[in-house]
Amino acid sequence: MHINFIRNIQFTKLLKIDGRLREFNFRKLTGLNEGLITVDVSDDRGNRIMFTMQKNGSEYIFYNQPYLPDWVAKNEQNLSEMIDAELRAIG
């Protein structure tokens, strides 16, 4: 019997945006959704903002998101760099 393990990758990073420290939670999807990362973060009221980022070449971009708050949308590059750095560190 052959057992195939699929690694579940989740990590949390802090990013200072507009003078506030924000906690972003990342989860890498596997299987048919390879290359997708789900992200969630709280807004000022404690509501969760959830979105997906997709690998596009060497960076991650927002995937199929009709609306994101400006403070999230303006930090797409920072989020992409954080994802890339973490995935390289994990190996």
C-alpha atoms as a PDB file:
ATOM      1  CA  MET A   1       0.000   0.000   0.000  1.00  0.00           C
ATOM      2  CA  HIS A   2       1.390   3.405  -1.036  1.00  0.00           C
ATOM      3  CA  ILE A   3       0.611   6.420   1.166  1.00  0.00           C
ATOM      4  CA  ASN A   4       0.979   9.870  -0.351  1.00  0.00           C
ATOM      5  CA  PHE A   5       1.310  12.780   2.078  1.00  0.00           C
ATOM      6  CA  ILE A   6       0.297  16.245   0.952  1.00  0.00           C
ATOM      7  CA  ARG A   7       1.853  19.002   2.996  1.00  0.00           C
ATOM      8  CA  ASN A   8      -0.540  21.572   4.431  1.00  0.00           C
ATOM      9  CA  ILE A   9       1.151  24.979   4.500  1.00  0.00           C
ATOM     10  CA  GLN A  10      -0.226  27.710   6.759  1.00  0.00           C
ATOM     11  CA  PHE A  11       1.575  30.732   8.166  1.00  0.00           C
ATOM     12  CA  THR A  12       0.915  34.115   9.732  1.00  0.00           C
ATOM     13  CA  LYS A  13       2.773  37.354   9.015  1.00  0.00           C
ATOM     14  CA  LEU A  14       2.500  40.838  10.492  1.00  0.00           C
ATOM     15  CA  LEU A  15       2.525  43.902   8.253  1.00  0.00           C
ATOM     16  CA  LYS A  16       2.331  47.528   9.387  1.00  0.00           C
ATOM     17  CA  ILE A  17      -0.235  49.407   7.298  1.00  0.00           C
ATOM     18  CA  ASP A  18      -1.304  53.010   7.970  1.00  0.00           C
ATOM     19  CA  GLY A  19       0.364  52.948  11.365  1.00  0.00           C
ATOM     20  CA  ARG A  20      -1.405  49.751  12.483  1.00  0.00           C
ATOM     21  CA  LEU A  21       0.067  46.289  12.769  1.00  0.00           C
ATOM     22  CA  ARG A  22      -2.114  43.844  10.820  1.00  0.00           C
ATOM     23  CA  GLU A  23      -2.018  40.057  11.128  1.00  0.00           C
ATOM     24  CA  PHE A  24      -2.358  38.250   7.795  1.00  0.00           C
ATOM     25  CA  ASN A  25      -3.089  34.510   7.821  1.00  0.00           C
ATOM     26  CA  PHE A  26      -2.056  32.559   4.712  1.00  0.00           C
ATOM     27  CA  ARG A  27      -3.017  29.048   3.595  1.00  0.00           C
ATOM     28  CA  LYS A  28      -1.634  27.389   0.480  1.00  0.00           C
ATOM     29  CA  LEU A  29      -4.181  25.315  -1.421  1.00  0.00           C
ATOM     30  CA  THR A  30      -3.108  21.994  -2.904  1.00  0.00           C
ATOM     31  CA  GLY A  31      -4.448  19.626  -5.536  1.00  0.00           C
ATOM     32  CA  LEU A  32      -6.301  21.182  -8.459  1.00  0.00           C
ATOM     33  CA  ASN A  33      -5.912  24.645  -6.908  1.00  0.00           C
ATOM     34  CA  GLU A  34      -2.098  24.563  -6.956  1.00  0.00           C
ATOM     35  CA  GLY A  35      -0.714  28.101  -7.031  1.00  0.00           C
ATOM     36  CA  LEU A  36      -3.553  29.615  -4.994  1.00  0.00           C
ATOM     37  CA  ILE A  37      -3.153  31.097  -1.518  1.00  0.00           C
ATOM     38  CA  THR A  38      -6.086  32.107   0.670  1.00  0.00           C
ATOM     39  CA  VAL A  39      -5.505  35.113   2.909  1.00  0.00           C
ATOM     40  CA  ASP A  40      -7.532  36.552   5.756  1.00  0.00           C
ATOM     41  CA  VAL A  41      -7.081  39.643   7.898  1.00  0.00           C
ATOM     42  CA  SER A  42      -9.266  41.661  10.305  1.00  0.00           C
ATOM     43  CA  ASP A  43     -10.406  45.171   9.594  1.00  0.00           C
ATOM     44  CA  ASP A  44     -10.705  47.935  12.230  1.00  0.00           C
ATOM     45  CA  ARG A  45     -14.056  46.585  13.449  1.00  0.00           C
ATOM     46  CA  GLY A  46     -12.843  42.998  13.793  1.00  0.00           C
ATOM     47  CA  ASN A  47     -14.585  41.761  10.631  1.00  0.00           C
ATOM     48  CA  ARG A  48     -12.618  39.176   8.644  1.00  0.00           C
ATOM     49  CA  ILE A  49     -11.587  40.100   5.120  1.00  0.00           C
ATOM     50  CA  MET A  50     -10.881  36.998   3.050  1.00  0.00           C
ATOM     51  CA  PHE A  51      -9.365  36.910  -0.406  1.00  0.00           C
ATOM     52  CA  THR A  52      -7.305  34.711  -2.697  1.00  0.00           C
ATOM     53  CA  MET A  53      -3.968  35.334  -4.380  1.00  0.00           C
ATOM     54  CA  GLN A  54      -2.755  33.395  -7.421  1.00  0.00           C
ATOM     55  CA  LYS A  55       0.765  32.792  -8.666  1.00  0.00           C
ATOM     56  CA  ASN A  56       1.348  34.747 -11.859  1.00  0.00           C
ATOM     57  CA  GLY A  57       4.876  34.236 -13.136  1.00  0.00           C
ATOM     58  CA  SER A  58       7.178  34.992 -10.227  1.00  0.00           C
ATOM     59  CA  GLU A  59       4.695  36.929  -8.091  1.00  0.00           C
ATOM     60  CA  TYR A  60       1.291  36.540  -6.461  1.00  0.00           C
ATOM     61  CA  ILE A  61      -1.620  38.746  -7.522  1.00  0.00           C
ATOM     62  CA  PHE A  62      -5.202  39.140  -6.294  1.00  0.00           C
ATOM     63  CA  TYR A  63      -7.417  36.498  -7.869  1.00  0.00           C
ATOM     64  CA  ASN A  64     -11.036  37.163  -8.822  1.00  0.00           C
ATOM     65  CA  GLN A  65     -11.606  39.855  -6.175  1.00  0.00           C
ATOM     66  CA  PRO A  66     -14.335  42.380  -7.025  1.00  0.00           C
ATOM     67  CA  TYR A  67     -13.648  44.602  -3.996  1.00  0.00           C
ATOM     68  CA  LEU A  68     -10.945  44.907  -1.399  1.00  0.00           C
ATOM     69  CA  PRO A  69     -10.375  47.817   0.990  1.00  0.00           C
ATOM     70  CA  ASP A  70      -7.749  50.286  -0.231  1.00  0.00           C
ATOM     71  CA  TRP A  71      -5.357  49.425   2.600  1.00  0.00           C
ATOM     72  CA  VAL A  72      -5.311  45.806   1.364  1.00  0.00           C
ATOM     73  CA  ALA A  73      -5.282  46.575  -2.371  1.00  0.00           C
ATOM     74  CA  LYS A  74      -2.333  48.983  -2.035  1.00  0.00           C
ATOM     75  CA  ASN A  75      -0.220  46.248  -0.413  1.00  0.00           C
ATOM     76  CA  GLU A  76      -0.497  43.554  -3.086  1.00  0.00           C
ATOM     77  CA  GLN A  77       3.259  43.694  -3.761  1.00  0.00           C
ATOM     78  CA  ASN A  78       4.132  43.462  -0.040  1.00  0.00           C
ATOM     79  CA  LEU A  79       1.841  40.454   0.387  1.00  0.00           C
ATOM     80  CA  SER A  80       3.363  38.789  -2.682  1.00  0.00           C
ATOM     81  CA  GLU A  81       6.874  39.278  -1.299  1.00  0.00           C
ATOM     82  CA  MET A  82       5.856  37.865   2.097  1.00  0.00           C
ATOM     83  CA  ILE A  83       4.336  34.761   0.471  1.00  0.00           C
ATOM     84  CA  ASP A  84       7.354  34.213  -1.760  1.00  0.00           C
ATOM     85  CA  ALA A  85       9.835  34.605   1.117  1.00  0.00           C
ATOM     86  CA  GLU A  86       7.922  32.171   3.352  1.00  0.00           C
ATOM     87  CA  LEU A  87       7.532  29.520   0.642  1.00  0.00           C
ATOM     88  CA  ARG A  88      11.258  29.736  -0.174  1.00  0.00           C
ATOM     89  CA  ALA A  89      12.114  29.359   3.533  1.00  0.00           C
ATOM     90  CA  ILE A  90       9.876  26.303   3.864  1.00  0.00           C
ATOM     91  CA  GLY A  91      11.431  24.731   0.791  1.00  0.00           C
END
